[in-house]
C-alpha atoms as a PDB file:
ATOM      1  CA  MET A   1      -0.190  -0.326  -0.021  1.00  0.00           C
ATOM      2  CA  ASP A   2       1.526   3.190  -0.688  1.00  0.00           C
ATOM      3  CA  PRO A   3       2.235   5.537   2.028  1.00  0.00           C
ATOM      4  CA  VAL A   4       0.297   8.873   1.032  1.00  0.00           C
ATOM      5  CA  SER A   5      -2.675   6.623   1.612  1.00  0.00           C
ATOM      6  CA  GLN A   6      -1.553   6.049   5.536  1.00  0.00           C
ATOM      7  CA  PHE A   7      -1.609   9.671   5.674  1.00  0.00           C
ATOM      8  CA  PRO A   8      -5.084  10.730   7.860  1.00  0.00           C
ATOM      9  CA  LEU A   9      -7.586  12.932   6.041  1.00  0.00           C
ATOM     10  CA  VAL A  10      -7.396  16.882   6.878  1.00  0.00           C
ATOM     11  CA  PHE A  11     -10.957  16.592   9.054  1.00  0.00           C
ATOM     12  CA  HIS A  12     -13.237  13.803   9.621  1.00  0.00           C
ATOM     13  CA  ASP A  13     -10.808  10.878   9.018  1.00  0.00           C
ATOM     14  CA  GLN A  14     -12.777   8.694  11.117  1.00  0.00           C
ATOM     15  CA  GLN A  15     -16.133   9.379   9.023  1.00  0.00           C
ATOM     16  CA  ALA A  16     -14.653   8.994   5.744  1.00  0.00           C
ATOM     17  CA  VAL A  17     -16.243   7.376   2.887  1.00  0.00           C
ATOM     18  CA  VAL A  18     -14.956   4.527   0.601  1.00  0.00           C
ATOM     19  CA  ASP A  19     -15.192   4.248  -3.320  1.00  0.00           C
ATOM     20  CA  LEU A  20     -13.759   1.258  -5.161  1.00  0.00           C
ATOM     21  CA  ASP A  21     -15.660   1.747  -8.371  1.00  0.00           C
ATOM     22  CA  PRO A  22     -14.056   4.837 -10.361  1.00  0.00           C
ATOM     23  CA  GLN A  23     -17.000   4.940 -12.890  1.00  0.00           C
ATOM     24  CA  ALA A  24     -19.568   5.130  -9.997  1.00  0.00           C
ATOM     25  CA  LEU A  25     -18.059   8.056  -8.282  1.00  0.00           C
ATOM     26  CA  ALA A  26     -17.098  10.029 -11.468  1.00  0.00           C
ATOM     27  CA  THR A  27     -21.263   9.629 -11.904  1.00  0.00           C
ATOM     28  CA  LYS A  28     -21.420  11.002  -8.268  1.00  0.00           C
ATOM     29  CA  LEU A  29     -18.913  14.019  -9.089  1.00  0.00           C
ATOM     30  CA  ALA A  30     -20.448  14.774 -12.176  1.00  0.00           C
ATOM     31  CA  GLN A  31     -23.836  15.799  -9.892  1.00  0.00           C
ATOM     32  CA  HIS A  32     -21.888  18.795  -8.656  1.00  0.00           C
ATOM     33  CA  PHE A  33     -19.371  20.251 -10.635  1.00  0.00           C
ATOM     34  CA  PRO A  34     -18.791  19.748 -14.943  1.00  0.00           C
ATOM     35  CA  LEU A  35     -16.805  16.266 -14.819  1.00  0.00           C
ATOM     36  CA  GLN A  36     -16.353  15.539 -18.494  1.00  0.00           C
ATOM     37  CA  ASP A  37     -13.842  12.725 -17.886  1.00  0.00           C
ATOM     38  CA  PHE A  38     -12.693  10.532 -14.784  1.00  0.00           C
ATOM     39  CA  ALA A  39     -10.283   7.610 -14.500  1.00  0.00           C
ATOM     40  CA  PRO A  40      -7.907   5.478 -12.827  1.00  0.00           C
ATOM     41  CA  ARG A  41      -3.907   5.596 -14.329  1.00  0.00           C
ATOM     42  CA  ASN A  42      -2.181   2.231 -14.919  1.00  0.00           C
ATOM     43  CA  PRO A  43      -5.156   0.311 -13.234  1.00  0.00           C
ATOM     44  CA  LEU A  44      -3.435  -2.890 -13.494  1.00  0.00           C
ATOM     45  CA  LEU A  45      -0.366  -1.704 -11.025  1.00  0.00           C
ATOM     46  CA  ASN A  46      -2.589   0.865  -9.169  1.00  0.00           C
ATOM     47  CA  PRO A  47      -6.096  -0.657  -8.289  1.00  0.00           C
ATOM     48  CA  PHE A  48      -8.779   1.917  -7.749  1.00  0.00           C
ATOM     49  CA  ARG A  49      -9.557   3.481  -4.160  1.00  0.00           C
ATOM     50  CA  HIS A  50     -10.732   6.511  -3.000  1.00  0.00           C
ATOM     51  CA  ARG A  51     -11.304   8.033   0.317  1.00  0.00           C
ATOM     52  CA  ALA A  52     -12.979  11.169   1.144  1.00  0.00           C
ATOM     53  CA  SER A  53     -15.105  13.281   3.896  1.00  0.00           C
ATOM     54  CA  THR A  54     -17.109  16.172   3.156  1.00  0.00           C
ATOM     55  CA  ALA A  55     -17.537  19.178   5.782  1.00  0.00           C
ATOM     56  CA  VAL A  56     -20.189  22.685   5.536  1.00  0.00           C
ATOM     57  CA  ALA A  57     -18.701  25.970   6.090  1.00  0.00           C
ATOM     58  CA  GLY A  58     -21.071  28.718   5.584  1.00  0.00           C
ATOM     59  CA  ASP A  59     -21.183  28.568   1.668  1.00  0.00           C
ATOM     60  CA  LEU A  60     -18.514  26.289   1.159  1.00  0.00           C
ATOM     61  CA  THR A  61     -18.116  22.880   0.583  1.00  0.00           C
ATOM     62  CA  LEU A  62     -15.506  21.649   1.262  1.00  0.00           C
ATOM     63  CA  THR A  63     -14.456  17.772   0.400  1.00  0.00           C
ATOM     64  CA  CYS A  64     -10.637  16.109   1.733  1.00  0.00           C
ATOM     65  CA  GLY A  65      -9.161  13.178   0.453  1.00  0.00           C
ATOM     66  CA  TYR A  66      -7.151  10.101  -0.812  1.00  0.00           C
ATOM     67  CA  THR A  67      -7.050   9.044  -4.613  1.00  0.00           C
ATOM     68  CA  SER A  68      -4.751   6.304  -5.794  1.00  0.00           C
ATOM     69  CA  PRO A  69      -3.638   7.722  -9.222  1.00  0.00           C
ATOM     70  CA  ILE A  70      -6.519   9.243 -11.277  1.00  0.00           C
ATOM     71  CA  HIS A  71      -6.521  11.383 -14.894  1.00  0.00           C
ATOM     72  CA  GLY A  72      -9.267  13.594 -16.282  1.00  0.00           C
ATOM     73  CA  CYS A  73     -10.600  16.358 -17.776  1.00  0.00           C
ATOM     74  CA  ILE A  74     -13.219  19.069 -16.062  1.00  0.00           C
ATOM     75  CA  GLY A  75     -15.407  21.415 -17.817  1.00  0.00           C
ATOM     76  CA  ASP A  76     -15.870  25.391 -17.872  1.00  0.00           C
ATOM     77  CA  ASN A  77     -17.484  26.082 -14.726  1.00  0.00           C
ATOM     78  CA  PRO A  78     -17.843  30.541 -15.310  1.00  0.00           C
ATOM     79  CA  GLY A  79     -18.247  32.350 -11.615  1.00  0.00           C
ATOM     80  CA  VAL A  80     -16.613  29.290 -10.069  1.00  0.00           C
ATOM     81  CA  GLY A  81     -12.949  29.448  -8.692  1.00  0.00           C
ATOM     82  CA  ALA A  82     -11.263  25.507  -7.761  1.00  0.00           C
ATOM     83  CA  ILE A  83      -9.210  25.703  -5.253  1.00  0.00           C
ATOM     84  CA  ASN A  84      -7.212  22.249  -4.983  1.00  0.00           C
ATOM     85  CA  ILE A  85      -4.469  21.685  -1.974  1.00  0.00           C
ATOM     86  CA  CYS A  86      -2.082  19.370  -1.892  1.00  0.00           C
ATOM     87  CA  TYR A  87      -1.478  17.612   1.705  1.00  0.00           C
ATOM     88  CA  GLN A  88       0.741  14.602   0.255  1.00  0.00           C
ATOM     89  CA  GLY A  89       1.522  13.318  -3.136  1.00  0.00           C
ATOM     90  CA  GLU A  90       1.768  15.762  -6.404  1.00  0.00           C
ATOM     91  CA  SER A  91      -0.857  16.277  -9.102  1.00  0.00           C
ATOM     92  CA  SER A  92      -0.856  18.707 -12.677  1.00  0.00           C
ATOM     93  CA  TYR A  93      -3.174  20.383 -14.618  1.00  0.00           C
ATOM     94  CA  GLY A  94      -3.048  21.498 -17.867  1.00  0.00           C
ATOM     95  CA  VAL A  95      -4.988  25.019 -19.027  1.00  0.00           C
ATOM     96  CA  ASP A  96      -4.522  26.428 -22.693  1.00  0.00           C
ATOM     97  CA  GLY A  97      -1.224  24.440 -22.368  1.00  0.00           C
ATOM     98  CA  ASN A  98       0.349  25.513 -20.058  1.00  0.00           C
ATOM     99  CA  THR A  99       1.076  23.015 -17.144  1.00  0.00           C
ATOM    100  CA  PHE A 100       0.508  23.742 -13.599  1.00  0.00           C
ATOM    101  CA  GLN A 101       2.030  21.741 -10.787  1.00  0.00           C
ATOM    102  CA  ILE A 102       1.530  21.295  -7.109  1.00  0.00           C
ATOM    103  CA  HIS A 103       3.633  19.219  -3.923  1.00  0.00           C
ATOM    104  CA  ALA A 104       4.355  20.113  -0.474  1.00  0.00           C
ATOM    105  CA  GLU A 105       6.503  23.235  -1.125  1.00  0.00           C
ATOM    106  CA  ALA A 106       3.575  24.484  -4.150  1.00  0.00           C
ATOM    107  CA  PRO A 107       0.861  23.007  -2.264  1.00  0.00           C
ATOM    108  CA  LEU A 108      -2.625  25.363  -3.807  1.00  0.00           C
ATOM    109  CA  TYR A 109      -4.016  25.445  -7.539  1.00  0.00           C
ATOM    110  CA  PHE A 110      -6.160  28.317  -8.590  1.00  0.00           C
ATOM    111  CA  ASN A 111      -8.782  27.767 -11.558  1.00  0.00           C
ATOM    112  CA  PRO A 112     -11.035  30.925 -12.242  1.00  0.00           C
ATOM    113  CA  GLY A 113     -13.461  28.459 -14.259  1.00  0.00           C
ATOM    114  CA  PHE A 114     -11.293  26.991 -17.177  1.00  0.00           C
ATOM    115  CA  SER A 115     -11.789  24.491 -18.808  1.00  0.00           C
ATOM    116  CA  TYR A 116      -8.663  21.828 -17.680  1.00  0.00           C
ATOM    117  CA  THR A 117      -6.988  18.382 -17.191  1.00  0.00           C
ATOM    118  CA  TYR A 118      -5.639  16.324 -14.024  1.00  0.00           C
ATOM    119  CA  ALA A 119      -3.337  14.180 -13.685  1.00  0.00           C
ATOM    120  CA  SER A 120      -2.353  12.651 -10.036  1.00  0.00           C
ATOM    121  CA  GLY A 121      -0.189  10.102  -8.533  1.00  0.00           C
ATOM    122  CA  HIS A 122      -1.280   9.030  -4.840  1.00  0.00           C
ATOM    123  CA  TYR A 123      -2.564  12.213  -3.304  1.00  0.00           C
ATOM    124  CA  ASN A 124      -4.208  13.266  -0.404  1.00  0.00           C
ATOM    125  CA  GLY A 125      -5.398  16.898  -0.736  1.00  0.00           C
ATOM    126  CA  LEU A 126      -8.871  19.015  -0.188  1.00  0.00           C
ATOM    127  CA  VAL A 127     -10.615  21.287  -3.027  1.00  0.00           C
ATOM    128  CA  LEU A 128     -13.468  23.722  -2.738  1.00  0.00           C
ATOM    129  CA  HIS A 129     -15.157  25.915  -5.381  1.00  0.00           C
ATOM    130  CA  VAL A 130     -15.744  29.822  -4.495  1.00  0.00           C
ATOM    131  CA  ASP A 131     -17.756  32.479  -5.965  1.00  0.00           C
ATOM    132  CA  LEU A 132     -15.620  34.227  -8.076  1.00  0.00           C
ATOM    133  CA  GLN A 133     -17.765  37.477  -7.515  1.00  0.00           C
ATOM    134  CA  ARG A 134     -17.654  37.552  -3.674  1.00  0.00           C
ATOM    135  CA  LEU A 135     -13.744  36.370  -3.676  1.00  0.00           C
ATOM    136  CA  GLN A 136     -13.132  39.973  -5.694  1.00  0.00           C
ATOM    137  CA  ASP A 137     -15.306  41.409  -3.369  1.00  0.00           C
ATOM    138  CA  THR A 138     -13.792  40.545  -0.384  1.00  0.00           C
ATOM    139  CA  ALA A 139     -10.419  41.322  -2.155  1.00  0.00           C
ATOM    140  CA  ALA A 140     -12.299  44.890  -2.820  1.00  0.00           C
ATOM    141  CA  ALA A 141     -13.016  45.255   1.074  1.00  0.00           C
ATOM    142  CA  ILE A 142      -9.264  44.225   2.210  1.00  0.00           C
ATOM    143  CA  GLY A 143      -8.227  46.768   0.092  1.00  0.00           C
ATOM    144  CA  GLY A 144      -9.444  50.004   1.576  1.00  0.00           C
ATOM    145  CA  MET A 145     -11.648  52.514   0.762  1.00  0.00           C
ATOM    146  CA  GLY A 146     -13.622  53.145  -2.305  1.00  0.00           C
ATOM    147  CA  LEU A 147     -11.763  50.343  -4.401  1.00  0.00           C
ATOM    148  CA  SER A 148     -13.026  48.468  -7.183  1.00  0.00           C
ATOM    149  CA  GLY A 149     -13.256  44.729  -7.104  1.00  0.00           C
ATOM    150  CA  ARG A 150     -12.144  45.042 -10.945  1.00  0.00           C
ATOM    151  CA  ARG A 151      -9.061  46.195  -9.486  1.00  0.00           C
ATOM    152  CA  PHE A 152      -8.238  42.125  -8.675  1.00  0.00           C
ATOM    153  CA  ALA A 153      -9.549  41.218 -11.911  1.00  0.00           C
ATOM    154  CA  PRO A 154      -6.792  40.320 -13.453  1.00  0.00           C
ATOM    155  CA  ASP A 155      -5.322  38.291 -10.341  1.00  0.00           C
ATOM    156  CA  LEU A 156      -8.531  36.559 -10.099  1.00  0.00           C
ATOM    157  CA  GLN A 157      -9.000  35.800 -13.959  1.00  0.00           C
ATOM    158  CA  ARG A 158      -5.839  33.412 -14.572  1.00  0.00           C
ATOM    159  CA  PRO A 159      -5.009  30.170 -13.241  1.00  0.00           C
ATOM    160  CA  GLN A 160      -2.531  30.235 -10.351  1.00  0.00           C
ATOM    161  CA  VAL A 161       0.013  28.157  -8.346  1.00  0.00           C
ATOM    162  CA  LEU A 162       1.059  29.447  -4.298  1.00  0.00           C
ATOM    163  CA  SER A 163       4.360  28.479  -2.487  1.00  0.00           C
ATOM    164  CA  THR A 164       5.240  27.980   0.849  1.00  0.00           C
ATOM    165  CA  THR A 165       9.262  29.229  -0.446  1.00  0.00           C
ATOM    166  CA  GLU A 166       7.540  32.984  -0.520  1.00  0.00           C
ATOM    167  CA  GLU A 167       7.262  33.890   2.742  1.00  0.00           C
ATOM    168  CA  ARG A 168       4.477  35.585   2.526  1.00  0.00           C
ATOM    169  CA  GLN A 169       2.364  32.937   1.173  1.00  0.00           C
ATOM    170  CA  ALA A 170       3.657  30.474   2.955  1.00  0.00           C
ATOM    171  CA  LYS A 171       2.231  32.375   6.435  1.00  0.00           C
ATOM    172  CA  LEU A 172      -0.869  32.398   4.414  1.00  0.00           C
ATOM    173  CA  LEU A 173      -0.735  28.930   3.511  1.00  0.00           C
ATOM    174  CA  LEU A 174      -0.193  27.576   6.837  1.00  0.00           C
ATOM    175  CA  THR A 175      -3.325  29.886   8.127  1.00  0.00           C
ATOM    176  CA  MET A 176      -5.921  28.518   6.010  1.00  0.00           C
ATOM    177  CA  ARG A 177      -4.746  24.663   7.174  1.00  0.00           C
ATOM    178  CA  ARG A 178      -5.494  26.028  10.664  1.00  0.00           C
ATOM    179  CA  ALA A 179      -8.904  27.152   9.819  1.00  0.00           C
ATOM    180  CA  PHE A 180      -9.674  24.200   8.002  1.00  0.00           C
ATOM    181  CA  ALA A 181      -8.619  21.960  10.713  1.00  0.00           C
ATOM    182  CA  LEU A 182     -11.578  24.145  13.031  1.00  0.00           C
ATOM    183  CA  LEU A 183     -14.061  21.661  10.637  1.00  0.00           C
ATOM    184  CA  ASP A 184     -12.952  18.630  13.090  1.00  0.00           C
ATOM    185  CA  ALA A 185     -13.918  20.132  16.334  1.00  0.00           C
ATOM    186  CA  PRO A 186     -16.996  18.704  17.127  1.00  0.00           C
ATOM    187  CA  GLU A 187     -17.508  20.883  20.264  1.00  0.00           C
ATOM    188  CA  LEU A 188     -17.216  23.882  18.339  1.00  0.00           C
ATOM    189  CA  GLN A 189     -20.237  22.419  15.730  1.00  0.00           C
ATOM    190  CA  ALA A 190     -22.499  21.080  18.984  1.00  0.00           C
ATOM    191  CA  ARG A 191     -22.713  24.731  20.517  1.00  0.00           C
ATOM    192  CA  GLY A 192     -23.556  26.704  17.230  1.00  0.00           C
ATOM    193  CA  ASP A 193     -19.668  28.274  17.574  1.00  0.00           C
ATOM    194  CA  LEU A 194     -18.801  27.512  14.479  1.00  0.00           C
ATOM    195  CA  GLU A 195     -21.613  28.881  12.340  1.00  0.00           C
ATOM    196  CA  VAL A 196     -20.792  31.559  14.573  1.00  0.00           C
ATOM    197  CA  LEU A 197     -17.302  31.845  13.629  1.00  0.00           C
ATOM    198  CA  GLN A 198     -18.060  32.791   9.981  1.00  0.00           C
ATOM    199  CA  LEU A 199     -15.520  30.300   8.686  1.00  0.00           C
ATOM    200  CA  ASP A 200     -15.978  30.568   5.137  1.00  0.00           C
ATOM    201  CA  ASP A 201     -15.579  34.331   5.548  1.00  0.00           C
ATOM    202  CA  LEU A 202     -12.210  33.729   7.115  1.00  0.00           C
ATOM    203  CA  ILE A 203     -11.674  31.520   3.755  1.00  0.00           C
ATOM    204  CA  TYR A 204     -12.308  33.827   1.676  1.00  0.00           C
ATOM    205  CA  ARG A 205      -9.984  36.637   3.143  1.00  0.00           C
ATOM    206  CA  ILE A 206      -6.786  34.347   3.033  1.00  0.00           C
ATOM    207  CA  LEU A 207      -7.251  33.422  -0.549  1.00  0.00           C
ATOM    208  CA  ALA A 208      -7.840  37.476  -1.347  1.00  0.00           C
ATOM    209  CA  LEU A 209      -4.440  37.821   0.433  1.00  0.00           C
ATOM    210  CA  ALA A 210      -2.840  35.318  -1.583  1.00  0.00           C
ATOM    211  CA  LEU A 211      -4.158  35.667  -4.935  1.00  0.00           C
ATOM    212  CA  CYS A 212      -4.058  39.137  -5.369  1.00  0.00           C
ATOM    213  CA  PRO A 213      -0.293  40.413  -4.628  1.00  0.00           C
ATOM    214  CA  GLN A 214      -1.189  43.990  -4.856  1.00  0.00           C
ATOM    215  CA  LEU A 215      -2.807  43.904  -1.484  1.00  0.00           C
ATOM    216  CA  GLU A 216       0.507  43.296   0.229  1.00  0.00           C
ATOM    217  CA  GLN A 217       0.804  47.063  -0.498  1.00  0.00           C
ATOM    218  CA  ARG A 218      -2.281  48.358   0.653  1.00  0.00           C
ATOM    219  CA  GLY A 219      -1.262  50.635   3.315  1.00  0.00           C
ATOM    220  CA  SER A 220      -1.670  53.827   1.930  1.00  0.00           C
ATOM    221  CA  GLY A 221      -2.340  55.332  -1.305  1.00  0.00           C
ATOM    222  CA  HIS A 222      -5.751  54.047  -2.059  1.00  0.00           C
ATOM    223  CA  GLY A 223      -9.426  56.146  -1.587  1.00  0.00           C
ATOM    224  CA  GLU A 224      -9.277  56.816  -5.583  1.00  0.00           C
ATOM    225  CA  GLY A 225     -10.813  60.465  -4.463  1.00  0.00           C
ATOM    226  CA  LEU A 226     -13.435  59.953  -2.251  1.00  0.00           C
ATOM    227  CA  SER A 227     -12.816  60.687   1.507  1.00  0.00           C
ATOM    228  CA  ARG A 228     -13.302  58.221   4.362  1.00  0.00           C
ATOM    229  CA  GLU A 229     -15.934  60.815   5.583  1.00  0.00           C
ATOM    230  CA  LEU A 230     -18.222  60.705   2.562  1.00  0.00           C
ATOM    231  CA  ILE A 231     -17.805  56.925   1.901  1.00  0.00           C
ATOM    232  CA  PHE A 232     -19.108  56.580   5.595  1.00  0.00           C
ATOM    233  CA  GLU A 233     -22.249  58.308   4.518  1.00  0.00           C
ATOM    234  CA  GLU A 234     -23.209  56.720   1.872  1.00  0.00           C
ATOM    235  CA  LEU A 235     -22.644  53.418   3.950  1.00  0.00           C
ATOM    236  CA  LEU A 236     -25.591  55.148   6.560  1.00  0.00           C
ATOM    237  CA  GLU A 237     -27.721  55.894   3.565  1.00  0.00           C
ATOM    238  CA  TRP A 238     -27.361  52.599   2.737  1.00  0.00           C
ATOM    239  CA  ILE A 239     -27.917  50.958   5.702  1.00  0.00           C
ATOM    240  CA  GLY A 240     -31.066  53.365   5.695  1.00  0.00           C
ATOM    241  CA  ALA A 241     -32.502  52.309   2.526  1.00  0.00           C
ATOM    242  CA  ASN A 242     -32.446  48.809   3.521  1.00  0.00           C
ATOM    243  CA  LEU A 243     -33.493  48.437   7.171  1.00  0.00           C
ATOM    244  CA  GLN A 244     -36.410  46.045   6.471  1.00  0.00           C
ATOM    245  CA  SER A 245     -33.637  43.565   4.998  1.00  0.00           C
ATOM    246  CA  PRO A 246     -30.874  41.252   6.723  1.00  0.00           C
ATOM    247  CA  ILE A 247     -28.104  43.165   7.328  1.00  0.00           C
ATOM    248  CA  ASN A 248     -24.829  42.119   8.617  1.00  0.00           C
ATOM    249  CA  LEU A 249     -21.310  42.504   9.061  1.00  0.00           C
ATOM    250  CA  THR A 250     -19.841  41.308   6.028  1.00  0.00           C
ATOM    251  CA  GLN A 251     -22.293  43.208   3.465  1.00  0.00           C
ATOM    252  CA  LEU A 252     -20.801  46.233   5.771  1.00  0.00           C
ATOM    253  CA  GLU A 253     -17.572  45.748   4.478  1.00  0.00           C
ATOM    254  CA  GLN A 254     -18.166  45.500   1.420  1.00  0.00           C
ATOM    255  CA  ARG A 255     -20.454  48.360   0.728  1.00  0.00           C
ATOM    256  CA  SER A 256     -17.662  50.419   2.177  1.00  0.00           C
ATOM    257  CA  GLY A 257     -14.028  48.649   2.127  1.00  0.00           C
ATOM    258  CA  TYR A 258     -13.849  49.083   5.728  1.00  0.00           C
ATOM    259  CA  SER A 259     -11.983  46.530   7.914  1.00  0.00           C
ATOM    260  CA  ARG A 260     -14.165  44.584  10.398  1.00  0.00           C
ATOM    261  CA  ARG A 261     -11.699  46.213  13.251  1.00  0.00           C
ATOM    262  CA  ASN A 262     -12.081  50.078  11.453  1.00  0.00           C
ATOM    263  CA  LEU A 263     -15.837  49.462  10.835  1.00  0.00           C
ATOM    264  CA  GLN A 264     -16.100  49.245  14.472  1.00  0.00           C
ATOM    265  CA  LEU A 265     -13.701  51.806  15.496  1.00  0.00           C
ATOM    266  CA  ALA A 266     -15.865  54.303  13.040  1.00  0.00           C
ATOM    267  CA  PHE A 267     -18.987  53.681  14.286  1.00  0.00           C
ATOM    268  CA  ARG A 268     -18.007  53.370  18.355  1.00  0.00           C
ATOM    269  CA  GLN A 269     -16.285  57.246  17.665  1.00  0.00           C
ATOM    270  CA  ARG A 270     -19.855  58.809  15.605  1.00  0.00           C
ATOM    271  CA  PHE A 271     -22.229  56.510  17.618  1.00  0.00           C
ATOM    272  CA  GLY A 272     -21.002  55.006  20.459  1.00  0.00           C
ATOM    273  CA  CYS A 273     -21.534  51.597  19.420  1.00  0.00           C
ATOM    274  CA  GLY A 274     -21.127  48.797  16.621  1.00  0.00           C
ATOM    275  CA  PRO A 275     -22.439  49.213  13.553  1.00  0.00           C
ATOM    276  CA  ILE A 276     -24.957  45.881  13.910  1.00  0.00           C
ATOM    277  CA  GLN A 277     -26.597  47.728  17.518  1.00  0.00           C
ATOM    278  CA  TRP A 278     -26.352  51.379  15.603  1.00  0.00           C
ATOM    279  CA  VAL A 279     -28.282  49.408  12.342  1.00  0.00           C
ATOM    280  CA  ARG A 280     -31.086  47.690  15.678  1.00  0.00           C
ATOM    281  CA  ARG A 281     -31.399  51.069  16.699  1.00  0.00           C
ATOM    282  CA  GLN A 282     -32.216  52.342  13.305  1.00  0.00           C
ATOM    283  CA  ARG A 283     -35.030  49.902  12.997  1.00  0.00           C
ATOM    284  CA  LEU A 284     -36.067  50.665  16.499  1.00  0.00           C
ATOM    285  CA  GLY A 285     -36.634  54.103  15.484  1.00  0.00           C
ATOM    286  CA  LEU A 286     -38.666  53.133  12.278  1.00  0.00           C
ATOM    287  CA  ALA A 287     -40.779  50.809  14.014  1.00  0.00           C
ATOM    288  CA  ARG A 288     -41.794  53.762  16.638  1.00  0.00           C
ATOM    289  CA  GLN A 289     -42.675  55.973  13.716  1.00  0.00           C
ATOM    290  CA  HIS A 290     -44.378  53.401  12.372  1.00  0.00           C
ATOM    291  CA  LEU A 291     -46.629  52.414  15.491  1.00  0.00           C
ATOM    292  CA  LEU A 292     -47.261  56.318  15.932  1.00  0.00           C
ATOM    293  CA  ASN A 293     -48.057  56.376  12.390  1.00  0.00           C
ATOM    294  CA  PRO A 294     -50.049  52.889  11.680  1.00  0.00           C
ATOM    295  CA  SER A 295     -52.508  52.101   8.843  1.00  0.00           C
ATOM    296  CA  PRO A 296     -55.567  50.268   9.889  1.00  0.00           C
ATOM    297  CA  SER A 297     -54.331  47.159   9.309  1.00  0.00           C
ATOM    298  CA  ASP A 298     -51.300  47.400  11.255  1.00  0.00           C
ATOM    299  CA  SER A 299     -49.978  45.436  13.741  1.00  0.00           C
ATOM    300  CA  VAL A 300     -46.821  44.885  16.404  1.00  0.00           C
ATOM    301  CA  ALA A 301     -45.997  41.663  14.796  1.00  0.00           C
ATOM    302  CA  GLY A 302     -46.427  43.032  11.099  1.00  0.00           C
ATOM    303  CA  ILE A 303     -44.229  46.293  11.421  1.00  0.00           C
ATOM    304  CA  SER A 304     -41.959  43.951  13.916  1.00  0.00           C
ATOM    305  CA  SER A 305     -41.794  41.535  11.031  1.00  0.00           C
ATOM    306  CA  LYS A 306     -41.685  44.079   7.987  1.00  0.00           C
ATOM    307  CA  LEU A 307     -38.497  46.163   9.656  1.00  0.00           C
ATOM    308  CA  GLY A 308     -36.389  42.542  10.070  1.00  0.00           C
ATOM    309  CA  PHE A 309     -37.242  41.632  13.552  1.00  0.00           C
ATOM    310  CA  SER A 310     -37.112  37.776  13.945  1.00  0.00           C
ATOM    311  CA  ASN A 311     -38.403  36.962  17.085  1.00  0.00           C
ATOM    312  CA  LEU A 312     -41.315  39.618  18.138  1.00  0.00           C
ATOM    313  CA  SER A 313     -41.007  39.135  22.114  1.00  0.00           C
ATOM    314  CA  ALA A 314     -36.941  40.557  21.683  1.00  0.00           C
ATOM    315  CA  PHE A 315     -38.120  43.518  19.481  1.00  0.00           C
ATOM    316  CA  SER A 316     -41.151  44.048  22.341  1.00  0.00           C
ATOM    317  CA  ARG A 317     -38.383  43.787  24.760  1.00  0.00           C
ATOM    318  CA  ASP A 318     -35.769  45.979  23.330  1.00  0.00           C
ATOM    319  CA  PHE A 319     -38.709  48.322  22.638  1.00  0.00           C
ATOM    320  CA  HIS A 320     -39.639  48.608  25.768  1.00  0.00           C
ATOM    321  CA  ASN A 321     -36.003  48.758  27.270  1.00  0.00           C
ATOM    322  CA  THR A 322     -35.144  51.586  24.460  1.00  0.00           C
ATOM    323  CA  TYR A 323     -38.478  54.123  24.482  1.00  0.00           C
ATOM    324  CA  GLY A 324     -39.897  53.344  27.920  1.00  0.00           C
ATOM    325  CA  ILE A 325     -43.328  51.925  26.562  1.00  0.00           C
ATOM    326  CA  ARG A 326     -44.411  48.579  25.220  1.00  0.00           C
ATOM    327  CA  PRO A 327     -44.974  48.797  21.575  1.00  0.00           C
ATOM    328  CA  SER A 328     -48.643  47.578  21.528  1.00  0.00           C
ATOM    329  CA  GLU A 329     -49.088  50.706  24.113  1.00  0.00           C
ATOM    330  CA  MET A 330     -47.414  53.004  21.125  1.00  0.00           C
ATOM    331  CA  LEU A 331     -50.085  51.398  18.458  1.00  0.00           C
ATOM    332  CA  ARG A 332     -52.778  52.150  20.390  1.00  0.00           C
ATOM    333  CA  GLU A 333     -51.510  55.771  21.171  1.00  0.00           C
ATOM    334  CA  GLY A 334     -50.764  56.279  17.682  1.00  0.00           C
ATOM    335  CA  ARG A 335     -54.667  55.287  16.471  1.00  0.00           C
ATOM    336  CA  ARG A 336     -55.724  57.610  19.274  1.00  0.00           C
ATOM    337  CA  LEU A 337     -53.438  60.508  17.621  1.00  0.00           C
ATOM    338  CA  HIS A 338     -55.006  59.448  13.951  1.00  0.00           C
ATOM    339  CA  GLY A 339     -58.349  58.721  14.589  1.00  0.00           C
END
C-alpha cells in the first residue's frame, strides 16, 4: 500500500467514505461540477481506491480525501473558482497548453472556472469551489476605501499556483490549514460556535490575500478621490434604505471597504456603539414611527416582521428598554392620535 494512503485526512478522517468503483464515483462527482472525464491511471499496477470526507462552512462545501492515481478533465465552470490543495503526493493541471504542478512546496492550485485536465499520483488533498464575485468583492473590501473589485479581476482571472517558498504565501497557506482544522472540532459544531465564527469569510479573506499580490501594498494611497467621511455617509444612507432586509457585518465591509476592525471603530467614534447595534437602533426608531403613524391594518407583529425583527418577544423587550413603553401601547397611542 502506498505511504500517501496512510496519512489521515484533513478532517473527519474516521467518517470517510471509501469508493472502489471509479465509474460510480464519477457519476456522483458529475452531479456537483462539470466532470468530463475521470479514470484510474495504470489500474493494473494501482487498484483504484478513493477515500473522502465532506464538511460545510457557511456557503462553502469542502472535500478532503485520498485517491490512487487518476486523470481526467473538468469543463468550463463560469463564475466558480476551483481550489485544489495538496497535503501529500503531487498533481498536475493543464490549461490552454500550460501546465501547473502542485506538491509539498507548492501546494495550492487556483483555477478561475476554465476547463482543465488533471493527472495525479497517490494523492492526499482538499478541494473547494468559491464564488469568484464574492472573492473579488472580498479583495476590494480588504484593499480599503473606495476600491473597485474590478481592480483585482486580473489576478482572479488567471490560473495560479501558490508556493511555500515565498514567505508571505507560506504564512497564509499555514493560516488556511489551521482554519480547515476547525472543521474537525465537534465541540464547536455541537454548540453552534462554528457558524458564529463565519469560517467561510475567513477562508475567502485568506484566499484573497494570497491570490492578489497588490493587497500586500494596501497600507497607503488608496481611496480614489473619495474621503472616508463621504464613504461612511454613503454607507449610512445604504443602511437606511435597506433596514427592512437582513444586514450583517460582511455586507457592511463590502459596501464600505472598511476592515471589520475599522468599521467597529468608526461606528463607536460616531455613535458610541458597534455597527450592528446601530442598525438595530435605526430599526427600532423606524418601528416607533410606524407605530405612531399606523395604517388601519398594522399590528405590532406585522411592523416588527416588516422591519427585519425575527423574534416578536425580543423586539418588544428591546423597544420597551429603549423607549420606556411597550410597542402595543405606542400603537394604541398612534391610533388615538390619528383617529
